[in-house]
Amino acid sequence: MVRPESSAAARSLRQWPLLIIVVGVAAGLVVSLLGEATWRLGGYLVGGSMLFGALERIVLPDRQAGLLEVRSKPFDVAVLALAGVAILVLSYYVPEGRR
């Protein structure tokens, strides 16, 4: 018989991959809000976190992916990777503001 504590602990342990991404995106948003000189770095952090999420989804088995598993693995990886690349490209190509 499985104890409820162990199953609850196992369920919460499976959410670490998503937590890593959420912390990375939140850090990127905070960095981008610090000022005009840091928004690009914040965008890189957000895009990099999304790409890291795609990598996690590729590497982790479905049982350990937790809330990263939304649809099929190819769909999840494609959405995360596309969003990460789009944010990185936009962060790179948007020109600096006028002074």
PDB file of N, CA and C in Angstrom:
ATOM      1  N   MET A   1       0.834  -1.172   0.000  1.00  0.00           N
ATOM      2  CA  MET A   1       0.000   0.000   0.000  1.00  0.00           C
ATOM      3  C   MET A   1       0.890   1.252   0.000  1.00  0.00           C
ATOM      4  N   VAL A   2       0.549   2.234  -0.814  1.00  0.00           N
ATOM      5  CA  VAL A   2       1.337   3.452  -0.930  1.00  0.00           C
ATOM      6  C   VAL A   2       0.822   4.478   0.064  1.00  0.00           C
ATOM      7  N   ARG A   3       1.761   5.095   0.778  1.00  0.00           N
ATOM      8  CA  ARG A   3       1.373   6.136   1.721  1.00  0.00           C
ATOM      9  C   ARG A   3       1.035   7.420   0.973  1.00  0.00           C
ATOM     10  N   PRO A   4       0.037   8.179   1.436  1.00  0.00           N
ATOM     11  CA  PRO A   4      -0.326   9.422   0.755  1.00  0.00           C
ATOM     12  C   PRO A   4       0.803  10.444   0.753  1.00  0.00           C
ATOM     13  N   GLU A   5       1.648  10.463   1.788  1.00  0.00           N
ATOM     14  CA  GLU A   5       2.736  11.433   1.839  1.00  0.00           C
ATOM     15  C   GLU A   5       3.722  11.212   0.706  1.00  0.00           C
ATOM     16  N   SER A   6       4.016   9.938   0.438  1.00  0.00           N
ATOM     17  CA  SER A   6       4.988   9.673  -0.611  1.00  0.00           C
ATOM     18  C   SER A   6       4.429  10.018  -1.990  1.00  0.00           C
ATOM     19  N   SER A   7       3.179   9.782  -2.217  1.00  0.00           N
ATOM     20  CA  SER A   7       2.619  10.118  -3.523  1.00  0.00           C
ATOM     21  C   SER A   7       2.487  11.626  -3.686  1.00  0.00           C
ATOM     22  N   ALA A   8       2.145  12.342  -2.620  1.00  0.00           N
ATOM     23  CA  ALA A   8       2.080  13.806  -2.695  1.00  0.00           C
ATOM     24  C   ALA A   8       3.474  14.385  -2.902  1.00  0.00           C
ATOM     25  N   ALA A   9       4.461  13.812  -2.237  1.00  0.00           N
ATOM     26  CA  ALA A   9       5.830  14.275  -2.421  1.00  0.00           C
ATOM     27  C   ALA A   9       6.307  14.001  -3.844  1.00  0.00           C
ATOM     28  N   ALA A  10       5.942  12.855  -4.375  1.00  0.00           N
ATOM     29  CA  ALA A  10       6.330  12.529  -5.747  1.00  0.00           C
ATOM     30  C   ALA A  10       5.667  13.474  -6.746  1.00  0.00           C
ATOM     31  N   ARG A  11       4.415  13.814  -6.497  1.00  0.00           N
ATOM     32  CA  ARG A  11       3.725  14.745  -7.398  1.00  0.00           C
ATOM     33  C   ARG A  11       4.371  16.123  -7.346  1.00  0.00           C
ATOM     34  N   SER A  12       4.713  16.598  -6.162  1.00  0.00           N
ATOM     35  CA  SER A  12       5.311  17.930  -6.067  1.00  0.00           C
ATOM     36  C   SER A  12       6.723  17.936  -6.634  1.00  0.00           C
ATOM     37  N   LEU A  13       7.426  16.813  -6.553  1.00  0.00           N
ATOM     38  CA  LEU A  13       8.772  16.731  -7.108  1.00  0.00           C
ATOM     39  C   LEU A  13       8.741  16.810  -8.631  1.00  0.00           C
ATOM     40  N   ARG A  14       7.670  16.342  -9.239  1.00  0.00           N
ATOM     41  CA  ARG A  14       7.551  16.400 -10.697  1.00  0.00           C
ATOM     42  C   ARG A  14       7.328  17.817 -11.207  1.00  0.00           C
ATOM     43  N   GLN A  15       7.077  18.782 -10.348  1.00  0.00           N
ATOM     44  CA  GLN A  15       6.810  20.144 -10.798  1.00  0.00           C
ATOM     45  C   GLN A  15       8.077  21.001 -10.857  1.00  0.00           C
ATOM     46  N   TRP A  16       9.226  20.466 -10.452  1.00  0.00           N
ATOM     47  CA  TRP A  16      10.469  21.224 -10.501  1.00  0.00           C
ATOM     48  C   TRP A  16      10.841  21.709 -11.893  1.00  0.00           C
ATOM     49  N   PRO A  17      10.661  20.938 -12.955  1.00  0.00           N
ATOM     50  CA  PRO A  17      11.022  21.461 -14.280  1.00  0.00           C
ATOM     51  C   PRO A  17      10.243  22.730 -14.636  1.00  0.00           C
ATOM     52  N   LEU A  18       8.967  22.765 -14.322  1.00  0.00           N
ATOM     53  CA  LEU A  18       8.182  23.962 -14.601  1.00  0.00           C
ATOM     54  C   LEU A  18       8.615  25.110 -13.702  1.00  0.00           C
ATOM     55  N   LEU A  19       8.920  24.841 -12.458  1.00  0.00           N
ATOM     56  CA  LEU A  19       9.342  25.884 -11.531  1.00  0.00           C
ATOM     57  C   LEU A  19      10.631  26.545 -11.995  1.00  0.00           C
ATOM     58  N   ILE A  20      11.547  25.763 -12.536  1.00  0.00           N
ATOM     59  CA  ILE A  20      12.793  26.329 -13.055  1.00  0.00           C
ATOM     60  C   ILE A  20      12.506  27.324 -14.171  1.00  0.00           C
ATOM     61  N   ILE A  21      11.587  26.988 -15.050  1.00  0.00           N
ATOM     62  CA  ILE A  21      11.254  27.880 -16.161  1.00  0.00           C
ATOM     63  C   ILE A  21      10.551  29.133 -15.651  1.00  0.00           C
ATOM     64  N   VAL A  22       9.619  28.969 -14.740  1.00  0.00           N
ATOM     65  CA  VAL A  22       8.880  30.113 -14.208  1.00  0.00           C
ATOM     66  C   VAL A  22       9.827  31.080 -13.492  1.00  0.00           C
ATOM     67  N   VAL A  23      10.776  30.545 -12.737  1.00  0.00           N
ATOM     68  CA  VAL A  23      11.747  31.408 -12.051  1.00  0.00           C
ATOM     69  C   VAL A  23      12.616  32.139 -13.076  1.00  0.00           C
ATOM     70  N   GLY A  24      13.030  31.460 -14.133  1.00  0.00           N
ATOM     71  CA  GLY A  24      13.825  32.104 -15.178  1.00  0.00           C
ATOM     72  C   GLY A  24      13.073  33.203 -15.899  1.00  0.00           C
ATOM     73  N   VAL A  25      11.811  32.956 -16.215  1.00  0.00           N
ATOM     74  CA  VAL A  25      10.990  33.978 -16.887  1.00  0.00           C
ATOM     75  C   VAL A  25      10.741  35.155 -15.944  1.00  0.00           C
ATOM     76  N   ALA A  26      10.456  34.873 -14.684  1.00  0.00           N
ATOM     77  CA  ALA A  26      10.241  35.955 -13.719  1.00  0.00           C
ATOM     78  C   ALA A  26      11.509  36.789 -13.537  1.00  0.00           C
ATOM     79  N   ALA A  27      12.661  36.130 -13.477  1.00  0.00           N
ATOM     80  CA  ALA A  27      13.922  36.861 -13.359  1.00  0.00           C
ATOM     81  C   ALA A  27      14.147  37.741 -14.586  1.00  0.00           C
ATOM     82  N   GLY A  28      13.839  37.210 -15.764  1.00  0.00           N
ATOM     83  CA  GLY A  28      13.977  38.008 -16.986  1.00  0.00           C
ATOM     84  C   GLY A  28      13.058  39.215 -16.991  1.00  0.00           C
ATOM     85  N   LEU A  29      11.843  39.049 -16.502  1.00  0.00           N
ATOM     86  CA  LEU A  29      10.920  40.185 -16.443  1.00  0.00           C
ATOM     87  C   LEU A  29      11.393  41.233 -15.448  1.00  0.00           C
ATOM     88  N   VAL A  30      11.915  40.787 -14.315  1.00  0.00           N
ATOM     89  CA  VAL A  30      12.432  41.742 -13.322  1.00  0.00           C
ATOM     90  C   VAL A  30      13.627  42.494 -13.893  1.00  0.00           C
ATOM     91  N   VAL A  31      14.539  41.779 -14.535  1.00  0.00           N
ATOM     92  CA  VAL A  31      15.711  42.433 -15.128  1.00  0.00           C
ATOM     93  C   VAL A  31      15.285  43.420 -16.204  1.00  0.00           C
ATOM     94  N   SER A  32      14.306  43.071 -17.009  1.00  0.00           N
ATOM     95  CA  SER A  32      13.875  43.975 -18.076  1.00  0.00           C
ATOM     96  C   SER A  32      13.175  45.215 -17.527  1.00  0.00           C
ATOM     97  N   LEU A  33      12.582  45.108 -16.352  1.00  0.00           N
ATOM     98  CA  LEU A  33      11.915  46.266 -15.756  1.00  0.00           C
ATOM     99  C   LEU A  33      12.870  47.176 -14.988  1.00  0.00           C
ATOM    100  N   LEU A  34      14.116  46.766 -14.803  1.00  0.00           N
ATOM    101  CA  LEU A  34      15.065  47.565 -14.028  1.00  0.00           C
ATOM    102  C   LEU A  34      15.466  48.852 -14.728  1.00  0.00           C
ATOM    103  N   GLY A  35      15.384  48.881 -16.018  1.00  0.00           N
ATOM    104  CA  GLY A  35      15.740  50.115 -16.705  1.00  0.00           C
ATOM    105  C   GLY A  35      15.878  49.928 -18.198  1.00  0.00           C
ATOM    106  N   GLU A  36      16.146  51.038 -18.839  1.00  0.00           N
ATOM    107  CA  GLU A  36      16.246  51.047 -20.290  1.00  0.00           C
ATOM    108  C   GLU A  36      17.465  50.272 -20.789  1.00  0.00           C
ATOM    109  N   ALA A  37      18.490  50.181 -19.971  1.00  0.00           N
ATOM    110  CA  ALA A  37      19.720  49.512 -20.384  1.00  0.00           C
ATOM    111  C   ALA A  37      19.660  47.998 -20.201  1.00  0.00           C
ATOM    112  N   THR A  38      18.682  47.489 -19.481  1.00  0.00           N
ATOM    113  CA  THR A  38      18.683  46.062 -19.161  1.00  0.00           C
ATOM    114  C   THR A  38      17.542  45.273 -19.796  1.00  0.00           C
ATOM    115  N   TRP A  39      16.697  45.896 -20.589  1.00  0.00           N
ATOM    116  CA  TRP A  39      15.545  45.182 -21.128  1.00  0.00           C
ATOM    117  C   TRP A  39      15.969  44.070 -22.079  1.00  0.00           C
ATOM    118  N   ARG A  40      17.056  44.302 -22.807  1.00  0.00           N
ATOM    119  CA  ARG A  40      17.519  43.284 -23.763  1.00  0.00           C
ATOM    120  C   ARG A  40      18.008  42.029 -23.026  1.00  0.00           C
ATOM    121  N   LEU A  41      18.749  42.223 -21.950  1.00  0.00           N
ATOM    122  CA  LEU A  41      19.197  41.093 -21.140  1.00  0.00           C
ATOM    123  C   LEU A  41      18.006  40.339 -20.554  1.00  0.00           C
ATOM    124  N   GLY A  42      16.986  41.074 -20.121  1.00  0.00           N
ATOM    125  CA  GLY A  42      15.773  40.427 -19.619  1.00  0.00           C
ATOM    126  C   GLY A  42      15.098  39.591 -20.687  1.00  0.00           C
ATOM    127  N   GLY A  43      15.059  40.097 -21.905  1.00  0.00           N
ATOM    128  CA  GLY A  43      14.495  39.328 -23.017  1.00  0.00           C
ATOM    129  C   GLY A  43      15.289  38.072 -23.302  1.00  0.00           C
ATOM    130  N   TYR A  44      16.607  38.181 -23.218  1.00  0.00           N
ATOM    131  CA  TYR A  44      17.442  36.993 -23.400  1.00  0.00           C
ATOM    132  C   TYR A  44      17.171  35.957 -22.305  1.00  0.00           C
ATOM    133  N   LEU A  45      16.990  36.414 -21.079  1.00  0.00           N
ATOM    134  CA  LEU A  45      16.691  35.481 -19.990  1.00  0.00           C
ATOM    135  C   LEU A  45      15.348  34.778 -20.207  1.00  0.00           C
ATOM    136  N   VAL A  46      14.349  35.517 -20.633  1.00  0.00           N
ATOM    137  CA  VAL A  46      13.029  34.922 -20.878  1.00  0.00           C
ATOM    138  C   VAL A  46      13.112  33.912 -22.023  1.00  0.00           C
ATOM    139  N   GLY A  47      13.724  34.308 -23.130  1.00  0.00           N
ATOM    140  CA  GLY A  47      13.854  33.398 -24.268  1.00  0.00           C
ATOM    141  C   GLY A  47      14.697  32.178 -23.940  1.00  0.00           C
ATOM    142  N   GLY A  48      15.774  32.386 -23.207  1.00  0.00           N
ATOM    143  CA  GLY A  48      16.615  31.264 -22.810  1.00  0.00           C
ATOM    144  C   GLY A  48      15.886  30.299 -21.886  1.00  0.00           C
ATOM    145  N   SER A  49      15.059  30.844 -21.008  1.00  0.00           N
ATOM    146  CA  SER A  49      14.276  29.983 -20.114  1.00  0.00           C
ATOM    147  C   SER A  49      13.285  29.138 -20.906  1.00  0.00           C
ATOM    148  N   MET A  50      12.683  29.723 -21.917  1.00  0.00           N
ATOM    149  CA  MET A  50      11.755  28.966 -22.754  1.00  0.00           C
ATOM    150  C   MET A  50      12.484  27.860 -23.532  1.00  0.00           C
ATOM    151  N   LEU A  51      13.665  28.174 -24.050  1.00  0.00           N
ATOM    152  CA  LEU A  51      14.435  27.146 -24.749  1.00  0.00           C
ATOM    153  C   LEU A  51      14.901  26.051 -23.784  1.00  0.00           C
ATOM    154  N   PHE A  52      15.242  26.438 -22.561  1.00  0.00           N
ATOM    155  CA  PHE A  52      15.607  25.443 -21.561  1.00  0.00           C
ATOM    156  C   PHE A  52      14.410  24.544 -21.250  1.00  0.00           C
ATOM    157  N   GLY A  53      13.219  25.122 -21.249  1.00  0.00           N
ATOM    158  CA  GLY A  53      12.011  24.318 -21.053  1.00  0.00           C
ATOM    159  C   GLY A  53      11.814  23.319 -22.176  1.00  0.00           C
ATOM    160  N   ALA A  54      12.104  23.725 -23.408  1.00  0.00           N
ATOM    161  CA  ALA A  54      12.008  22.789 -24.531  1.00  0.00           C
ATOM    162  C   ALA A  54      13.023  21.667 -24.366  1.00  0.00           C
ATOM    163  N   LEU A  55      14.223  22.003 -23.915  1.00  0.00           N
ATOM    164  CA  LEU A  55      15.241  20.982 -23.680  1.00  0.00           C
ATOM    165  C   LEU A  55      14.818  20.029 -22.562  1.00  0.00           C
ATOM    166  N   GLU A  56      14.261  20.584 -21.491  1.00  0.00           N
ATOM    167  CA  GLU A  56      13.761  19.723 -20.414  1.00  0.00           C
ATOM    168  C   GLU A  56      12.686  18.771 -20.918  1.00  0.00           C
ATOM    169  N   ARG A  57      11.805  19.285 -21.745  1.00  0.00           N
ATOM    170  CA  ARG A  57      10.707  18.452 -22.255  1.00  0.00           C
ATOM    171  C   ARG A  57      11.234  17.341 -23.148  1.00  0.00           C
ATOM    172  N   ILE A  58      12.318  17.604 -23.887  1.00  0.00           N
ATOM    173  CA  ILE A  58      12.915  16.568 -24.729  1.00  0.00           C
ATOM    174  C   ILE A  58      13.572  15.499 -23.864  1.00  0.00           C
ATOM    175  N   VAL A  59      14.307  15.917 -22.855  1.00  0.00           N
ATOM    176  CA  VAL A  59      15.133  15.002 -22.074  1.00  0.00           C
ATOM    177  C   VAL A  59      14.322  14.193 -21.063  1.00  0.00           C
ATOM    178  N   LEU A  60      13.376  14.841 -20.401  1.00  0.00           N
ATOM    179  CA  LEU A  60      12.645  14.161 -19.326  1.00  0.00           C
ATOM    180  C   LEU A  60      11.589  13.207 -19.880  1.00  0.00           C
ATOM    181  N   PRO A  61      11.432  12.060 -19.251  1.00  0.00           N
ATOM    182  CA  PRO A  61      10.326  11.185 -19.640  1.00  0.00           C
ATOM    183  C   PRO A  61       8.988  11.815 -19.262  1.00  0.00           C
ATOM    184  N   ASP A  62       7.935  11.351 -19.893  1.00  0.00           N
ATOM    185  CA  ASP A  62       6.611  11.943 -19.669  1.00  0.00           C
ATOM    186  C   ASP A  62       6.202  11.913 -18.202  1.00  0.00           C
ATOM    187  N   ARG A  63       6.572  10.875 -17.491  1.00  0.00           N
ATOM    188  CA  ARG A  63       6.170  10.764 -16.083  1.00  0.00           C
ATOM    189  C   ARG A  63       6.853  11.796 -15.201  1.00  0.00           C
ATOM    190  N   GLN A  64       8.023  12.302 -15.621  1.00  0.00           N
ATOM    191  CA  GLN A  64       8.754  13.275 -14.817  1.00  0.00           C
ATOM    192  C   GLN A  64       8.598  14.701 -15.311  1.00  0.00           C
ATOM    193  N   ALA A  65       7.927  14.905 -16.407  1.00  0.00           N
ATOM    194  CA  ALA A  65       7.800  16.245 -16.979  1.00  0.00           C
ATOM    195  C   ALA A  65       6.826  17.119 -16.206  1.00  0.00           C
ATOM    196  N   GLY A  66       5.947  16.518 -15.453  1.00  0.00           N
ATOM    197  CA  GLY A  66       5.002  17.303 -14.655  1.00  0.00           C
ATOM    198  C   GLY A  66       4.105  18.156 -15.534  1.00  0.00           C
ATOM    199  N   LEU A  67       3.965  19.417 -15.176  1.00  0.00           N
ATOM    200  CA  LEU A  67       3.089  20.319 -15.920  1.00  0.00           C
ATOM    201  C   LEU A  67       3.688  20.814 -17.229  1.00  0.00           C
ATOM    202  N   LEU A  68       4.924  20.410 -17.539  1.00  0.00           N
ATOM    203  CA  LEU A  68       5.456  20.702 -18.870  1.00  0.00           C
ATOM    204  C   LEU A  68       4.761  19.856 -19.926  1.00  0.00           C
ATOM    205  N   GLU A  69       4.168  18.772 -19.492  1.00  0.00           N
ATOM    206  CA  GLU A  69       3.463  17.890 -20.416  1.00  0.00           C
ATOM    207  C   GLU A  69       2.042  18.411 -20.601  1.00  0.00           C
ATOM    208  N   VAL A  70       1.815  19.087 -21.718  1.00  0.00           N
ATOM    209  CA  VAL A  70       0.495  19.636 -22.012  1.00  0.00           C
ATOM    210  C   VAL A  70      -0.186  18.803 -23.089  1.00  0.00           C
ATOM    211  N   ARG A  71       0.517  18.603 -24.168  1.00  0.00           N
ATOM    212  CA  ARG A  71       0.021  17.788 -25.289  1.00  0.00           C
ATOM    213  C   ARG A  71       1.028  16.678 -25.534  1.00  0.00           C
ATOM    214  N   SER A  72       1.281  16.393 -26.772  1.00  0.00           N
ATOM    215  CA  SER A  72       2.309  15.399 -27.093  1.00  0.00           C
ATOM    216  C   SER A  72       3.694  16.048 -26.952  1.00  0.00           C
ATOM    217  N   LYS A  73       4.699  15.233 -26.836  1.00  0.00           N
ATOM    218  CA  LYS A  73       6.057  15.752 -26.661  1.00  0.00           C
ATOM    219  C   LYS A  73       6.492  16.634 -27.836  1.00  0.00           C
ATOM    220  N   PRO A  74       6.263  16.224 -29.092  1.00  0.00           N
ATOM    221  CA  PRO A  74       6.670  17.096 -30.203  1.00  0.00           C
ATOM    222  C   PRO A  74       5.954  18.457 -30.183  1.00  0.00           C
ATOM    223  N   PHE A  75       4.678  18.459 -29.831  1.00  0.00           N
ATOM    224  CA  PHE A  75       3.939  19.718 -29.779  1.00  0.00           C
ATOM    225  C   PHE A  75       4.491  20.622 -28.681  1.00  0.00           C
ATOM    226  N   ASP A  76       4.712  20.074 -27.492  1.00  0.00           N
ATOM    227  CA  ASP A  76       5.226  20.863 -26.381  1.00  0.00           C
ATOM    228  C   ASP A  76       6.596  21.443 -26.696  1.00  0.00           C
ATOM    229  N   VAL A  77       7.475  20.621 -27.262  1.00  0.00           N
ATOM    230  CA  VAL A  77       8.818  21.085 -27.608  1.00  0.00           C
ATOM    231  C   VAL A  77       8.744  22.161 -28.678  1.00  0.00           C
ATOM    232  N   ALA A  78       7.907  21.978 -29.679  1.00  0.00           N
ATOM    233  CA  ALA A  78       7.793  22.962 -30.758  1.00  0.00           C
ATOM    234  C   ALA A  78       7.295  24.304 -30.238  1.00  0.00           C
ATOM    235  N   VAL A  79       6.292  24.291 -29.386  1.00  0.00           N
ATOM    236  CA  VAL A  79       5.745  25.551 -28.863  1.00  0.00           C
ATOM    237  C   VAL A  79       6.766  26.262 -27.981  1.00  0.00           C
ATOM    238  N   LEU A  80       7.406  25.530 -27.083  1.00  0.00           N
ATOM    239  CA  LEU A  80       8.402  26.153 -26.212  1.00  0.00           C
ATOM    240  C   LEU A  80       9.593  26.679 -27.009  1.00  0.00           C
ATOM    241  N   ALA A  81      10.069  25.887 -27.962  1.00  0.00           N
ATOM    242  CA  ALA A  81      11.217  26.308 -28.758  1.00  0.00           C
ATOM    243  C   ALA A  81      10.872  27.499 -29.648  1.00  0.00           C
ATOM    244  N   LEU A  82       9.708  27.476 -30.263  1.00  0.00           N
ATOM    245  CA  LEU A  82       9.298  28.592 -31.118  1.00  0.00           C
ATOM    246  C   LEU A  82       9.152  29.876 -30.311  1.00  0.00           C
ATOM    247  N   ALA A  83       8.539  29.786 -29.145  1.00  0.00           N
ATOM    248  CA  ALA A  83       8.396  30.967 -28.295  1.00  0.00           C
ATOM    249  C   ALA A  83       9.760  31.472 -27.835  1.00  0.00           C
ATOM    250  N   GLY A  84      10.646  30.563 -27.436  1.00  0.00           N
ATOM    251  CA  GLY A  84      11.977  30.974 -26.997  1.00  0.00           C
ATOM    252  C   GLY A  84      12.775  31.635 -28.102  1.00  0.00           C
ATOM    253  N   VAL A  85      12.770  31.039 -29.284  1.00  0.00           N
ATOM    254  CA  VAL A  85      13.509  31.622 -30.407  1.00  0.00           C
ATOM    255  C   VAL A  85      12.907  32.969 -30.803  1.00  0.00           C
ATOM    256  N   ALA A  86      11.590  33.072 -30.822  1.00  0.00           N
ATOM    257  CA  ALA A  86      10.949  34.349 -31.186  1.00  0.00           C
ATOM    258  C   ALA A  86      11.328  35.451 -30.209  1.00  0.00           C
ATOM    259  N   ILE A  87      11.335  35.147 -28.932  1.00  0.00           N
ATOM    260  CA  ILE A  87      11.692  36.163 -27.933  1.00  0.00           C
ATOM    261  C   ILE A  87      13.159  36.540 -28.047  1.00  0.00           C
ATOM    262  N   LEU A  88      14.023  35.562 -28.279  1.00  0.00           N
ATOM    263  CA  LEU A  88      15.447  35.865 -28.451  1.00  0.00           C
ATOM    264  C   LEU A  88      15.686  36.727 -29.692  1.00  0.00           C
ATOM    265  N   VAL A  89      15.048  36.379 -30.800  1.00  0.00           N
ATOM    266  CA  VAL A  89      15.228  37.149 -32.043  1.00  0.00           C
ATOM    267  C   VAL A  89      14.702  38.572 -31.871  1.00  0.00           C
ATOM    268  N   LEU A  90      13.529  38.708 -31.269  1.00  0.00           N
ATOM    269  CA  LEU A  90      12.993  40.054 -31.054  1.00  0.00           C
ATOM    270  C   LEU A  90      13.869  40.869 -30.105  1.00  0.00           C
ATOM    271  N   SER A  91      14.403  40.225 -29.083  1.00  0.00           N
ATOM    272  CA  SER A  91      15.280  40.923 -28.156  1.00  0.00           C
ATOM    273  C   SER A  91      16.553  41.395 -28.842  1.00  0.00           C
ATOM    274  N   TYR A  92      17.011  40.637 -29.802  1.00  0.00           N
ATOM    275  CA  TYR A  92      18.228  41.004 -30.522  1.00  0.00           C
ATOM    276  C   TYR A  92      17.987  42.110 -31.548  1.00  0.00           C
ATOM    277  N   TYR A  93      16.874  42.026 -32.279  1.00  0.00           N
ATOM    278  CA  TYR A  93      16.655  42.916 -33.407  1.00  0.00           C
ATOM    279  C   TYR A  93      15.929  44.215 -33.094  1.00  0.00           C
ATOM    280  N   VAL A  94      15.258  44.317 -31.970  1.00  0.00           N
ATOM    281  CA  VAL A  94      14.573  45.569 -31.668  1.00  0.00           C
ATOM    282  C   VAL A  94      15.630  46.616 -31.375  1.00  0.00           C
ATOM    283  N   PRO A  95      15.565  47.752 -32.076  1.00  0.00           N
ATOM    284  CA  PRO A  95      16.613  48.760 -31.894  1.00  0.00           C
ATOM    285  C   PRO A  95      16.521  49.443 -30.527  1.00  0.00           C
ATOM    286  N   GLU A  96      17.651  49.953 -30.090  1.00  0.00           N
ATOM    287  CA  GLU A  96      17.704  50.708 -28.839  1.00  0.00           C
ATOM    288  C   GLU A  96      16.868  51.982 -28.996  1.00  0.00           C
ATOM    289  N   GLY A  97      16.364  52.486 -27.880  1.00  0.00           N
ATOM    290  CA  GLY A  97      15.564  53.706 -27.909  1.00  0.00           C
ATOM    291  C   GLY A  97      16.406  54.934 -28.197  1.00  0.00           C
ATOM    292  N   ARG A  98      15.753  55.983 -28.624  1.00  0.00           N
ATOM    293  CA  ARG A  98      16.450  57.244 -28.907  1.00  0.00           C
ATOM    294  C   ARG A  98      16.700  57.985 -27.612  1.00  0.00           C
ATOM    295  N   ARG A  99      17.782  58.723 -27.596  1.00  0.00           N
ATOM    296  CA  ARG A  99      18.124  59.505 -26.396  1.00  0.00           C
ATOM    297  C   ARG A  99      18.077  60.964 -26.674  1.00  0.00           C
TER     298      ARG A  99
END
